[in-house]
Amino acid sequence: MRVSHDVGAVSASDRPRPRLLFWSVPLILAGLTTYLLGVLLAVPRWAFLDAPHLRAINEKVVWYSGVPMFFGLMLALIDFFVLLPAKRHARGVMNEPFAADVKVTVTLTAWNDEASIDAAVRDFVAHPRVARVVVVDNNSRDKTAEVARAAGATVVIEERAGYGRCVTRCLEEGARYDDTPLVVLCEGDCTFRALDLDKLLAYAPHASVVNGTRIVEQLREYNTQLSTFMYYGNFAVGKLLEIKHLGRGTFTDVGTTYKLMRREAIARLLTVTDPKVNLEFNAHFLDRALGSGERLVECPITFYPRIGESKGGNVNNSRALKVGLKMIWGLYTDWRWSAE
């Protein structure tokens, strides 16, 4: 039986509800930080033989640390036990199947990926469900465009620098083809494989956006650029996104480019996303999609070592931390100050 849902319409159940749990997180963290500060203040207090003025300061810090934690806990409890049932059960299961032989347009981001783009393009071109591969070259300095074209891709040059601009151009180009109702976004560095298209397609009836997740340990090669720090940091930001949109899904990965989308969803999302957001664009995209009422589902995908030099947020832990903090800042400020 086919259950139809209009993923383009934002119903009353899809409209934003109070995000109490989301705002409880900084309150609880502030309280815990203050409490730890109070614990550390005990060291100089003991060093000065328990001086009365230091003891008074120490006690106040520990005492007042409970204030933000208390209010944060109250907000969390209200969201969990009062608001969450309505948030979860207001939406039914989406089931909009496609034809068994449906074709997809694959778009690949690329920037100085001469070493990997040939293998990436040929991998997707060989997949029976792929109608075409479009490579968006973000003004590379090497022969990425020439190699991609020789491998069988349609090449488009995006001269404006930035990951967000490159991804946005991929979405625009992919949505141009009306013979493919689905568009796949991926990268040209061989970190992802065309074989996972079958997994993404299996989830397509249930969402307007199927987001790949690298969270499954057994599906990740050991020596990828995703360090342990990045892995758990990405998971943490994914959970923060889930908390912000509580009841709308389970999310574990905000940094994966590999996605499958319906063409009509792309048209809607291009009106609410900002291409000036750079390396944080994937988190921005998912946040905007959820905030607009789109149906998102995660799908476990395989993850491999990239061919060539890493140039994104996974260059090192320091850069990953900066990108992760900007993602968090964007989630809390609604991306008002995150565009570069």
C-alpha atoms as a PDB file:
ATOM      1  CA  MET A   1       0.000   0.000   0.000  1.00  0.00           C
ATOM      2  CA  ARG A   2       1.308   3.432  -0.897  1.00  0.00           C
ATOM      3  CA  VAL A   3       0.950   6.196   1.681  1.00  0.00           C
ATOM      4  CA  SER A   4       1.339   9.602   0.071  1.00  0.00           C
ATOM      5  CA  HIS A   5       2.756  12.644   1.805  1.00  0.00           C
ATOM      6  CA  ASP A   6       3.397  16.051   0.302  1.00  0.00           C
ATOM      7  CA  VAL A   7       6.991  16.692   1.373  1.00  0.00           C
ATOM      8  CA  GLY A   8       6.812  20.187  -0.028  1.00  0.00           C
ATOM      9  CA  ALA A   9       4.076  21.394   2.284  1.00  0.00           C
ATOM     10  CA  VAL A  10       4.904  22.424   5.826  1.00  0.00           C
ATOM     11  CA  SER A  11       1.922  21.281   7.858  1.00  0.00           C
ATOM     12  CA  ALA A  12       1.008  22.407  11.338  1.00  0.00           C
ATOM     13  CA  SER A  13       2.860  19.390  12.712  1.00  0.00           C
ATOM     14  CA  ASP A  14       6.027  20.446  10.843  1.00  0.00           C
ATOM     15  CA  ARG A  15       6.135  23.976  12.152  1.00  0.00           C
ATOM     16  CA  PRO A  16       8.914  24.711  14.662  1.00  0.00           C
ATOM     17  CA  ARG A  17       8.073  23.905  18.263  1.00  0.00           C
ATOM     18  CA  PRO A  18       9.870  25.219  21.374  1.00  0.00           C
ATOM     19  CA  ARG A  19      13.429  23.855  21.399  1.00  0.00           C
ATOM     20  CA  LEU A  20      13.734  23.560  25.162  1.00  0.00           C
ATOM     21  CA  LEU A  21      16.175  20.633  25.179  1.00  0.00           C
ATOM     22  CA  PHE A  22      18.387  22.435  22.640  1.00  0.00           C
ATOM     23  CA  TRP A  23      18.696  25.476  24.909  1.00  0.00           C
ATOM     24  CA  SER A  24      19.112  23.325  28.001  1.00  0.00           C
ATOM     25  CA  VAL A  25      22.459  22.089  26.664  1.00  0.00           C
ATOM     26  CA  PRO A  26      24.402  25.391  27.087  1.00  0.00           C
ATOM     27  CA  LEU A  27      22.741  25.934  30.491  1.00  0.00           C
ATOM     28  CA  ILE A  28      23.805  22.520  31.767  1.00  0.00           C
ATOM     29  CA  LEU A  29      27.301  22.920  30.303  1.00  0.00           C
ATOM     30  CA  ALA A  30      27.615  26.359  31.921  1.00  0.00           C
ATOM     31  CA  GLY A  31      26.615  24.873  35.270  1.00  0.00           C
ATOM     32  CA  LEU A  32      29.063  21.990  34.976  1.00  0.00           C
ATOM     33  CA  THR A  33      31.865  24.348  33.956  1.00  0.00           C
ATOM     34  CA  THR A  34      31.129  26.602  36.915  1.00  0.00           C
ATOM     35  CA  TYR A  35      31.070  23.607  39.263  1.00  0.00           C
ATOM     36  CA  LEU A  36      34.445  22.392  37.979  1.00  0.00           C
ATOM     37  CA  LEU A  37      35.809  25.898  38.493  1.00  0.00           C
ATOM     38  CA  GLY A  38      34.594  25.712  42.081  1.00  0.00           C
ATOM     39  CA  VAL A  39      36.387  22.394  42.531  1.00  0.00           C
ATOM     40  CA  LEU A  40      39.614  23.893  41.159  1.00  0.00           C
ATOM     41  CA  LEU A  41      39.289  26.881  43.508  1.00  0.00           C
ATOM     42  CA  ALA A  42      39.568  24.460  46.403  1.00  0.00           C
ATOM     43  CA  VAL A  43      43.263  24.003  45.584  1.00  0.00           C
ATOM     44  CA  PRO A  44      44.393  27.607  46.363  1.00  0.00           C
ATOM     45  CA  ARG A  45      41.967  27.634  49.280  1.00  0.00           C
ATOM     46  CA  TRP A  46      43.731  24.668  50.853  1.00  0.00           C
ATOM     47  CA  ALA A  47      47.130  26.132  49.958  1.00  0.00           C
ATOM     48  CA  PHE A  48      46.316  29.235  52.000  1.00  0.00           C
ATOM     49  CA  LEU A  49      45.167  27.181  54.988  1.00  0.00           C
ATOM     50  CA  ASP A  50      41.487  27.477  54.246  1.00  0.00           C
ATOM     51  CA  ALA A  51      41.385  31.295  54.292  1.00  0.00           C
ATOM     52  CA  PRO A  52      37.837  32.461  55.160  1.00  0.00           C
ATOM     53  CA  HIS A  53      37.474  34.788  52.159  1.00  0.00           C
ATOM     54  CA  LEU A  54      38.583  32.068  49.731  1.00  0.00           C
ATOM     55  CA  ARG A  55      36.257  29.583  51.361  1.00  0.00           C
ATOM     56  CA  ALA A  56      33.320  31.978  50.926  1.00  0.00           C
ATOM     57  CA  ILE A  57      34.126  32.488  47.231  1.00  0.00           C
ATOM     58  CA  ASN A  58      34.566  28.743  46.750  1.00  0.00           C
ATOM     59  CA  GLU A  59      31.219  27.940  48.332  1.00  0.00           C
ATOM     60  CA  LYS A  60      29.370  30.574  46.282  1.00  0.00           C
ATOM     61  CA  VAL A  61      30.819  29.314  43.021  1.00  0.00           C
ATOM     62  CA  VAL A  62      29.826  25.719  43.813  1.00  0.00           C
ATOM     63  CA  TRP A  63      26.404  26.806  45.083  1.00  0.00           C
ATOM     64  CA  TYR A  64      25.517  28.995  42.097  1.00  0.00           C
ATOM     65  CA  SER A  65      26.714  26.387  39.607  1.00  0.00           C
ATOM     66  CA  GLY A  66      23.492  24.561  40.381  1.00  0.00           C
ATOM     67  CA  VAL A  67      21.301  27.408  39.103  1.00  0.00           C
ATOM     68  CA  PRO A  68      21.889  26.994  35.334  1.00  0.00           C
ATOM     69  CA  MET A  69      21.973  23.203  35.762  1.00  0.00           C
ATOM     70  CA  PHE A  70      18.603  23.249  37.520  1.00  0.00           C
ATOM     71  CA  PHE A  71      16.909  25.392  34.864  1.00  0.00           C
ATOM     72  CA  GLY A  72      18.567  23.392  32.083  1.00  0.00           C
ATOM     73  CA  LEU A  73      17.319  20.149  33.618  1.00  0.00           C
ATOM     74  CA  MET A  74      13.804  21.558  33.916  1.00  0.00           C
ATOM     75  CA  LEU A  75      13.770  22.580  30.250  1.00  0.00           C
ATOM     76  CA  ALA A  76      15.038  19.131  29.239  1.00  0.00           C
ATOM     77  CA  LEU A  77      12.397  17.328  31.303  1.00  0.00           C
ATOM     78  CA  ILE A  78       9.586  19.469  29.872  1.00  0.00           C
ATOM     79  CA  ASP A  79      10.765  18.803  26.324  1.00  0.00           C
ATOM     80  CA  PHE A  80      11.141  15.056  26.894  1.00  0.00           C
ATOM     81  CA  PHE A  81       7.953  14.334  28.821  1.00  0.00           C
ATOM     82  CA  VAL A  82       5.560  17.069  27.678  1.00  0.00           C
ATOM     83  CA  LEU A  83       6.469  18.223  24.162  1.00  0.00           C
ATOM     84  CA  LEU A  84       8.285  15.248  22.633  1.00  0.00           C
ATOM     85  CA  PRO A  85       5.244  12.932  22.216  1.00  0.00           C
ATOM     86  CA  ALA A  86       3.529  15.526  20.001  1.00  0.00           C
ATOM     87  CA  LYS A  87       6.735  16.207  18.078  1.00  0.00           C
ATOM     88  CA  ARG A  88       7.265  12.521  17.339  1.00  0.00           C
ATOM     89  CA  HIS A  89       3.779  11.264  16.626  1.00  0.00           C
ATOM     90  CA  ALA A  90       2.484  14.216  14.630  1.00  0.00           C
ATOM     91  CA  ARG A  91       4.266  12.913  11.517  1.00  0.00           C
ATOM     92  CA  GLY A  92       3.488   9.646   9.811  1.00  0.00           C
ATOM     93  CA  VAL A  93       5.888   7.436   7.878  1.00  0.00           C
ATOM     94  CA  MET A  94       6.547   8.746   4.391  1.00  0.00           C
ATOM     95  CA  ASN A  95       6.308   6.137   1.645  1.00  0.00           C
ATOM     96  CA  GLU A  96       6.728   7.536  -1.876  1.00  0.00           C
ATOM     97  CA  PRO A  97       8.369   4.731  -3.905  1.00  0.00           C
ATOM     98  CA  PHE A  98      10.093   5.201  -7.226  1.00  0.00           C
ATOM     99  CA  ALA A  99      10.200   2.938 -10.247  1.00  0.00           C
ATOM    100  CA  ALA A 100      12.484  -0.065  -9.838  1.00  0.00           C
ATOM    101  CA  ASP A 101      14.722   1.202 -12.642  1.00  0.00           C
ATOM    102  CA  VAL A 102      14.766   4.882 -11.623  1.00  0.00           C
ATOM    103  CA  LYS A 103      17.891   6.718 -12.748  1.00  0.00           C
ATOM    104  CA  VAL A 104      19.893   9.327 -10.852  1.00  0.00           C
ATOM    105  CA  THR A 105      22.138  12.228 -11.776  1.00  0.00           C
ATOM    106  CA  VAL A 106      25.380  12.171  -9.794  1.00  0.00           C
ATOM    107  CA  THR A 107      27.168  15.435  -9.043  1.00  0.00           C
ATOM    108  CA  LEU A 108      30.727  15.476  -7.713  1.00  0.00           C
ATOM    109  CA  THR A 109      32.505  18.350  -5.993  1.00  0.00           C
ATOM    110  CA  ALA A 110      36.119  18.719  -7.074  1.00  0.00           C
ATOM    111  CA  TRP A 111      39.025  21.027  -6.301  1.00  0.00           C
ATOM    112  CA  ASN A 112      42.525  20.059  -7.392  1.00  0.00           C
ATOM    113  CA  ASP A 113      41.461  16.395  -7.543  1.00  0.00           C
ATOM    114  CA  GLU A 114      43.394  15.402 -10.648  1.00  0.00           C
ATOM    115  CA  ALA A 115      44.786  12.317  -8.886  1.00  0.00           C
ATOM    116  CA  SER A 116      41.369  10.908  -7.931  1.00  0.00           C
ATOM    117  CA  ILE A 117      38.719  12.286 -10.270  1.00  0.00           C
ATOM    118  CA  ASP A 118      39.223   9.698 -13.032  1.00  0.00           C
ATOM    119  CA  ALA A 119      38.555   6.765 -10.698  1.00  0.00           C
ATOM    120  CA  ALA A 120      35.652   8.570  -8.999  1.00  0.00           C
ATOM    121  CA  VAL A 121      33.894   9.395 -12.273  1.00  0.00           C
ATOM    122  CA  ARG A 122      34.387   5.947 -13.775  1.00  0.00           C
ATOM    123  CA  ASP A 123      33.090   4.315 -10.597  1.00  0.00           C
ATOM    124  CA  PHE A 124      29.777   6.195 -10.808  1.00  0.00           C
ATOM    125  CA  VAL A 125      29.460   6.067 -14.605  1.00  0.00           C
ATOM    126  CA  ALA A 126      29.638   2.264 -14.441  1.00  0.00           C
ATOM    127  CA  HIS A 127      26.713   2.021 -12.017  1.00  0.00           C
ATOM    128  CA  PRO A 128      23.534   0.893 -13.856  1.00  0.00           C
ATOM    129  CA  ARG A 129      21.308   3.420 -12.073  1.00  0.00           C
ATOM    130  CA  VAL A 130      23.423   6.448 -13.010  1.00  0.00           C
ATOM    131  CA  ALA A 131      22.200   8.453 -16.014  1.00  0.00           C
ATOM    132  CA  ARG A 132      25.096  10.909 -15.962  1.00  0.00           C
ATOM    133  CA  VAL A 133      27.901  12.279 -13.825  1.00  0.00           C
ATOM    134  CA  VAL A 134      28.405  16.027 -13.484  1.00  0.00           C
ATOM    135  CA  VAL A 135      31.676  17.283 -12.001  1.00  0.00           C
ATOM    136  CA  VAL A 136      31.689  20.803 -10.585  1.00  0.00           C
ATOM    137  CA  ASP A 137      35.280  21.963 -10.677  1.00  0.00           C
ATOM    138  CA  ASN A 138      35.760  24.700  -8.089  1.00  0.00           C
ATOM    139  CA  ASN A 139      38.349  26.546 -10.204  1.00  0.00           C
ATOM    140  CA  SER A 140      41.084  23.921  -9.830  1.00  0.00           C
ATOM    141  CA  ARG A 141      44.691  24.762 -10.590  1.00  0.00           C
ATOM    142  CA  ASP A 142      45.479  21.295 -11.953  1.00  0.00           C
ATOM    143  CA  LYS A 143      43.945  19.159 -14.723  1.00  0.00           C
ATOM    144  CA  THR A 144      40.868  18.049 -12.779  1.00  0.00           C
ATOM    145  CA  ALA A 145      38.458  19.276 -15.450  1.00  0.00           C
ATOM    146  CA  GLU A 146      40.296  17.642 -18.342  1.00  0.00           C
ATOM    147  CA  VAL A 147      40.655  14.302 -16.570  1.00  0.00           C
ATOM    148  CA  ALA A 148      36.996  14.288 -15.472  1.00  0.00           C
ATOM    149  CA  ARG A 149      35.802  15.052 -19.006  1.00  0.00           C
ATOM    150  CA  ALA A 150      37.946  12.266 -20.441  1.00  0.00           C
ATOM    151  CA  ALA A 151      36.496   9.832 -17.895  1.00  0.00           C
ATOM    152  CA  GLY A 152      32.964  10.535 -19.125  1.00  0.00           C
ATOM    153  CA  ALA A 153      31.695  13.366 -16.936  1.00  0.00           C
ATOM    154  CA  THR A 154      30.010  16.614 -17.861  1.00  0.00           C
ATOM    155  CA  VAL A 155      32.236  19.312 -16.374  1.00  0.00           C
ATOM    156  CA  VAL A 156      31.059  22.645 -15.017  1.00  0.00           C
ATOM    157  CA  ILE A 157      33.450  25.278 -13.697  1.00  0.00           C
ATOM    158  CA  GLU A 158      32.442  27.147 -10.542  1.00  0.00           C
ATOM    159  CA  GLU A 159      34.852  30.067 -10.304  1.00  0.00           C
ATOM    160  CA  ARG A 160      33.650  31.325  -6.916  1.00  0.00           C
ATOM    161  CA  ALA A 161      35.803  29.668  -4.283  1.00  0.00           C
ATOM    162  CA  GLY A 162      34.302  27.862  -1.306  1.00  0.00           C
ATOM    163  CA  TYR A 163      32.839  24.489  -0.444  1.00  0.00           C
ATOM    164  CA  GLY A 164      29.339  25.904   0.030  1.00  0.00           C
ATOM    165  CA  ARG A 165      29.390  27.527  -3.393  1.00  0.00           C
ATOM    166  CA  CYS A 166      30.660  24.323  -5.017  1.00  0.00           C
ATOM    167  CA  VAL A 167      27.953  22.206  -3.366  1.00  0.00           C
ATOM    168  CA  THR A 168      25.260  24.730  -4.266  1.00  0.00           C
ATOM    169  CA  ARG A 169      26.374  24.645  -7.904  1.00  0.00           C
ATOM    170  CA  CYS A 170      26.248  20.824  -7.797  1.00  0.00           C
ATOM    171  CA  LEU A 171      22.650  20.964  -6.602  1.00  0.00           C
ATOM    172  CA  GLU A 172      21.706  23.524  -9.258  1.00  0.00           C
ATOM    173  CA  GLU A 173      23.298  21.509 -12.041  1.00  0.00           C
ATOM    174  CA  GLY A 174      21.883  18.182 -10.857  1.00  0.00           C
ATOM    175  CA  ALA A 175      18.339  19.540 -10.613  1.00  0.00           C
ATOM    176  CA  ARG A 176      18.432  20.774 -14.229  1.00  0.00           C
ATOM    177  CA  TYR A 177      17.816  17.266 -15.620  1.00  0.00           C
ATOM    178  CA  ASP A 178      14.125  16.402 -15.546  1.00  0.00           C
ATOM    179  CA  ASP A 179      14.725  12.807 -16.658  1.00  0.00           C
ATOM    180  CA  THR A 180      16.148  11.935 -13.229  1.00  0.00           C
ATOM    181  CA  PRO A 181      13.888  12.588 -10.220  1.00  0.00           C
ATOM    182  CA  LEU A 182      16.801  11.955  -7.857  1.00  0.00           C
ATOM    183  CA  VAL A 183      20.135  13.744  -7.538  1.00  0.00           C
ATOM    184  CA  VAL A 184      23.173  12.361  -5.746  1.00  0.00           C
ATOM    185  CA  LEU A 185      25.776  14.657  -4.253  1.00  0.00           C
ATOM    186  CA  CYS A 186      29.241  13.241  -3.619  1.00  0.00           C
ATOM    187  CA  GLU A 187      32.945  14.124  -3.753  1.00  0.00           C
ATOM    188  CA  GLY A 188      35.572  13.451  -6.361  1.00  0.00           C
ATOM    189  CA  ASP A 189      38.294  12.243  -3.981  1.00  0.00           C
ATOM    190  CA  CYS A 190      37.261   8.547  -3.890  1.00  0.00           C
ATOM    191  CA  THR A 191      36.347   8.586  -0.187  1.00  0.00           C
ATOM    192  CA  PHE A 192      32.901   7.264  -1.161  1.00  0.00           C
ATOM    193  CA  ARG A 193      31.837   4.535  -3.575  1.00  0.00           C
ATOM    194  CA  ALA A 194      29.089   4.129  -6.166  1.00  0.00           C
ATOM    195  CA  LEU A 195      28.170   0.761  -4.632  1.00  0.00           C
ATOM    196  CA  ASP A 196      26.467   2.633  -1.775  1.00  0.00           C
ATOM    197  CA  LEU A 197      23.989   4.142  -4.230  1.00  0.00           C
ATOM    198  CA  ASP A 198      21.885   1.004  -3.792  1.00  0.00           C
ATOM    199  CA  LYS A 199      21.670   1.687  -0.057  1.00  0.00           C
ATOM    200  CA  LEU A 200      20.681   5.310  -0.567  1.00  0.00           C
ATOM    201  CA  LEU A 201      18.044   4.323  -3.116  1.00  0.00           C
ATOM    202  CA  ALA A 202      16.552   1.840  -0.662  1.00  0.00           C
ATOM    203  CA  TYR A 203      15.798   4.739   1.712  1.00  0.00           C
ATOM    204  CA  ALA A 204      14.597   7.128  -1.026  1.00  0.00           C
ATOM    205  CA  PRO A 205      10.857   6.302  -0.652  1.00  0.00           C
ATOM    206  CA  HIS A 206      10.943   7.474   2.949  1.00  0.00           C
ATOM    207  CA  ALA A 207      12.631  10.860   2.666  1.00  0.00           C
ATOM    208  CA  SER A 208      13.280  13.876   0.510  1.00  0.00           C
ATOM    209  CA  VAL A 209      16.941  13.808   1.597  1.00  0.00           C
ATOM    210  CA  VAL A 210      18.905  10.645   2.406  1.00  0.00           C
ATOM    211  CA  ASN A 211      22.121  11.593   4.192  1.00  0.00           C
ATOM    212  CA  GLY A 212      25.036   9.187   4.340  1.00  0.00           C
ATOM    213  CA  THR A 213      26.584   8.536   7.746  1.00  0.00           C
ATOM    214  CA  ARG A 214      30.107   7.316   8.447  1.00  0.00           C
ATOM    215  CA  ILE A 215      29.278   6.399  12.035  1.00  0.00           C
ATOM    216  CA  VAL A 216      29.370   2.606  11.580  1.00  0.00           C
ATOM    217  CA  GLU A 217      32.856   1.496  12.586  1.00  0.00           C
ATOM    218  CA  GLN A 218      32.771  -1.661  10.464  1.00  0.00           C
ATOM    219  CA  LEU A 219      32.182   0.408   7.317  1.00  0.00           C
ATOM    220  CA  ARG A 220      35.161   2.744   7.754  1.00  0.00           C
ATOM    221  CA  GLU A 221      38.694   1.979   6.658  1.00  0.00           C
ATOM    222  CA  TYR A 222      41.174   2.350   9.490  1.00  0.00           C
ATOM    223  CA  ASN A 223      43.485   4.878   7.854  1.00  0.00           C
ATOM    224  CA  THR A 224      41.022   7.506   6.634  1.00  0.00           C
ATOM    225  CA  GLN A 225      41.498  11.210   7.356  1.00  0.00           C
ATOM    226  CA  LEU A 226      38.671  10.988   9.906  1.00  0.00           C
ATOM    227  CA  SER A 227      40.602  10.800  13.189  1.00  0.00           C
ATOM    228  CA  THR A 228      39.092   9.568  16.457  1.00  0.00           C
ATOM    229  CA  PHE A 229      38.736  13.188  17.591  1.00  0.00           C
ATOM    230  CA  MET A 230      36.911  14.136  14.382  1.00  0.00           C
ATOM    231  CA  TYR A 231      34.769  10.998  14.513  1.00  0.00           C
ATOM    232  CA  TYR A 232      33.375  11.693  17.980  1.00  0.00           C
ATOM    233  CA  GLY A 233      33.250  15.446  17.451  1.00  0.00           C
ATOM    234  CA  ASN A 234      31.174  14.941  14.316  1.00  0.00           C
ATOM    235  CA  PHE A 235      28.915  12.536  16.216  1.00  0.00           C
ATOM    236  CA  ALA A 236      28.456  15.108  19.000  1.00  0.00           C
ATOM    237  CA  VAL A 237      27.436  17.858  16.562  1.00  0.00           C
ATOM    238  CA  GLY A 238      25.091  15.368  14.897  1.00  0.00           C
ATOM    239  CA  LYS A 239      23.396  14.752  18.223  1.00  0.00           C
ATOM    240  CA  LEU A 240      23.143  18.513  18.788  1.00  0.00           C
ATOM    241  CA  LEU A 241      21.390  18.811  15.430  1.00  0.00           C
ATOM    242  CA  GLU A 242      19.074  15.996  16.498  1.00  0.00           C
ATOM    243  CA  ILE A 243      18.331  17.790  19.778  1.00  0.00           C
ATOM    244  CA  LYS A 244      17.598  21.045  17.947  1.00  0.00           C
ATOM    245  CA  HIS A 245      15.038  19.259  15.783  1.00  0.00           C
ATOM    246  CA  LEU A 246      13.906  16.806  18.446  1.00  0.00           C
ATOM    247  CA  GLY A 247      11.415  14.283  17.176  1.00  0.00           C
ATOM    248  CA  ARG A 248      12.289  14.726  13.495  1.00  0.00           C
ATOM    249  CA  GLY A 249      14.975  12.105  13.149  1.00  0.00           C
ATOM    250  CA  THR A 250      18.150  10.442  14.352  1.00  0.00           C
ATOM    251  CA  PHE A 251      21.372  12.094  13.192  1.00  0.00           C
ATOM    252  CA  THR A 252      24.960  11.016  13.702  1.00  0.00           C
ATOM    253  CA  ASP A 253      26.966  12.668  10.913  1.00  0.00           C
ATOM    254  CA  VAL A 254      26.873  16.320   9.854  1.00  0.00           C
ATOM    255  CA  GLY A 255      30.022  16.287   7.726  1.00  0.00           C
ATOM    256  CA  THR A 256      29.225  13.787   4.964  1.00  0.00           C
ATOM    257  CA  THR A 257      28.885  15.141   1.447  1.00  0.00           C
ATOM    258  CA  TYR A 258      27.344  11.903   0.119  1.00  0.00           C
ATOM    259  CA  LYS A 259      23.570  12.496  -0.147  1.00  0.00           C
ATOM    260  CA  LEU A 260      20.598  11.533  -2.293  1.00  0.00           C
ATOM    261  CA  MET A 261      17.851  14.135  -2.816  1.00  0.00           C
ATOM    262  CA  ARG A 262      14.590  14.554  -4.672  1.00  0.00           C
ATOM    263  CA  ARG A 263      14.697  17.249  -7.341  1.00  0.00           C
ATOM    264  CA  GLU A 264      11.731  19.096  -5.884  1.00  0.00           C
ATOM    265  CA  ALA A 265      13.401  19.170  -2.472  1.00  0.00           C
ATOM    266  CA  ILE A 266      16.511  20.735  -4.008  1.00  0.00           C
ATOM    267  CA  ALA A 267      14.412  23.516  -5.524  1.00  0.00           C
ATOM    268  CA  ARG A 268      13.025  24.313  -2.093  1.00  0.00           C
ATOM    269  CA  LEU A 269      16.324  24.058  -0.249  1.00  0.00           C
ATOM    270  CA  LEU A 270      18.185  26.316  -2.654  1.00  0.00           C
ATOM    271  CA  THR A 271      15.918  29.141  -1.486  1.00  0.00           C
ATOM    272  CA  VAL A 272      16.845  28.741   2.198  1.00  0.00           C
ATOM    273  CA  THR A 273      20.529  27.766   2.146  1.00  0.00           C
ATOM    274  CA  ASP A 274      23.437  30.204   1.964  1.00  0.00           C
ATOM    275  CA  PRO A 275      26.266  29.236  -0.433  1.00  0.00           C
ATOM    276  CA  LYS A 276      28.638  31.589   1.400  1.00  0.00           C
ATOM    277  CA  VAL A 277      28.739  29.151   4.330  1.00  0.00           C
ATOM    278  CA  ASN A 278      31.999  27.346   3.695  1.00  0.00           C
ATOM    279  CA  LEU A 279      33.262  24.121   5.298  1.00  0.00           C
ATOM    280  CA  GLU A 280      30.263  24.006   7.647  1.00  0.00           C
ATOM    281  CA  PHE A 281      27.843  23.829   4.715  1.00  0.00           C
ATOM    282  CA  ASN A 282      26.715  20.222   5.281  1.00  0.00           C
ATOM    283  CA  ALA A 283      25.547  21.014   8.816  1.00  0.00           C
ATOM    284  CA  HIS A 284      23.942  24.207   7.515  1.00  0.00           C
ATOM    285  CA  PHE A 285      22.165  22.262   4.765  1.00  0.00           C
ATOM    286  CA  LEU A 286      20.782  19.628   7.151  1.00  0.00           C
ATOM    287  CA  ASP A 287      19.681  22.258   9.660  1.00  0.00           C
ATOM    288  CA  ARG A 288      17.870  24.260   6.995  1.00  0.00           C
ATOM    289  CA  ALA A 289      16.266  21.117   5.564  1.00  0.00           C
ATOM    290  CA  LEU A 290      14.918  20.019   8.936  1.00  0.00           C
ATOM    291  CA  GLY A 291      13.790  23.530   9.777  1.00  0.00           C
ATOM    292  CA  SER A 292      11.878  23.672   6.488  1.00  0.00           C
ATOM    293  CA  GLY A 293       9.969  20.470   7.207  1.00  0.00           C
ATOM    294  CA  GLU A 294      11.871  18.190   4.816  1.00  0.00           C
ATOM    295  CA  ARG A 295      12.021  14.498   5.630  1.00  0.00           C
ATOM    296  CA  LEU A 296      15.584  13.368   6.334  1.00  0.00           C
ATOM    297  CA  VAL A 297      16.814   9.817   6.845  1.00  0.00           C
ATOM    298  CA  GLU A 298      20.372   8.654   7.556  1.00  0.00           C
ATOM    299  CA  CYS A 299      21.909   5.719   5.716  1.00  0.00           C
ATOM    300  CA  PRO A 300      25.158   3.960   6.761  1.00  0.00           C
ATOM    301  CA  ILE A 301      27.779   4.214   4.015  1.00  0.00           C
ATOM    302  CA  THR A 302      31.347   3.047   3.537  1.00  0.00           C
ATOM    303  CA  PHE A 303      34.244   5.465   3.945  1.00  0.00           C
ATOM    304  CA  TYR A 304      37.704   5.087   2.413  1.00  0.00           C
ATOM    305  CA  PRO A 305      41.035   6.931   2.474  1.00  0.00           C
ATOM    306  CA  ARG A 306      40.982   9.793   0.021  1.00  0.00           C
ATOM    307  CA  ILE A 307      43.280   9.842  -3.003  1.00  0.00           C
ATOM    308  CA  GLY A 308      45.395  12.982  -2.922  1.00  0.00           C
ATOM    309  CA  GLU A 309      45.702  15.688  -0.296  1.00  0.00           C
ATOM    310  CA  SER A 310      42.851  16.509   2.105  1.00  0.00           C
ATOM    311  CA  LYS A 311      41.702  20.115   1.714  1.00  0.00           C
ATOM    312  CA  GLY A 312      38.507  20.316   3.755  1.00  0.00           C
ATOM    313  CA  GLY A 313      37.764  20.241   7.454  1.00  0.00           C
ATOM    314  CA  ASN A 314      39.664  16.968   7.944  1.00  0.00           C
ATOM    315  CA  VAL A 315      43.138  18.358   7.300  1.00  0.00           C
ATOM    316  CA  ASN A 316      44.012  18.037  10.998  1.00  0.00           C
ATOM    317  CA  ASN A 317      42.337  18.020  14.405  1.00  0.00           C
ATOM    318  CA  SER A 318      42.919  21.735  14.905  1.00  0.00           C
ATOM    319  CA  ARG A 319      41.107  22.673  11.726  1.00  0.00           C
ATOM    320  CA  ALA A 320      38.366  20.135  12.456  1.00  0.00           C
ATOM    321  CA  LEU A 321      37.839  21.723  15.879  1.00  0.00           C
ATOM    322  CA  LYS A 322      37.473  25.148  14.293  1.00  0.00           C
ATOM    323  CA  VAL A 323      34.953  23.843  11.757  1.00  0.00           C
ATOM    324  CA  GLY A 324      33.045  21.988  14.465  1.00  0.00           C
ATOM    325  CA  LEU A 325      32.815  25.081  16.680  1.00  0.00           C
ATOM    326  CA  LYS A 326      31.550  27.119  13.728  1.00  0.00           C
ATOM    327  CA  MET A 327      28.916  24.434  13.100  1.00  0.00           C
ATOM    328  CA  ILE A 328      27.749  24.705  16.708  1.00  0.00           C
ATOM    329  CA  TRP A 329      27.785  28.503  16.507  1.00  0.00           C
ATOM    330  CA  GLY A 330      25.744  28.326  13.323  1.00  0.00           C
ATOM    331  CA  LEU A 331      23.174  25.997  14.886  1.00  0.00           C
ATOM    332  CA  TYR A 332      22.628  28.391  17.781  1.00  0.00           C
ATOM    333  CA  THR A 333      22.703  31.646  15.786  1.00  0.00           C
ATOM    334  CA  ASP A 334      20.674  30.301  12.858  1.00  0.00           C
ATOM    335  CA  TRP A 335      23.754  30.838  10.668  1.00  0.00           C
ATOM    336  CA  ARG A 336      23.479  34.632  10.819  1.00  0.00           C
ATOM    337  CA  TRP A 337      27.188  35.092  11.438  1.00  0.00           C
ATOM    338  CA  SER A 338      28.605  31.945   9.857  1.00  0.00           C
ATOM    339  CA  ALA A 339      28.910  32.930   6.197  1.00  0.00           C
ATOM    340  CA  GLU A 340      32.409  33.839   5.051  1.00  0.00           C
END
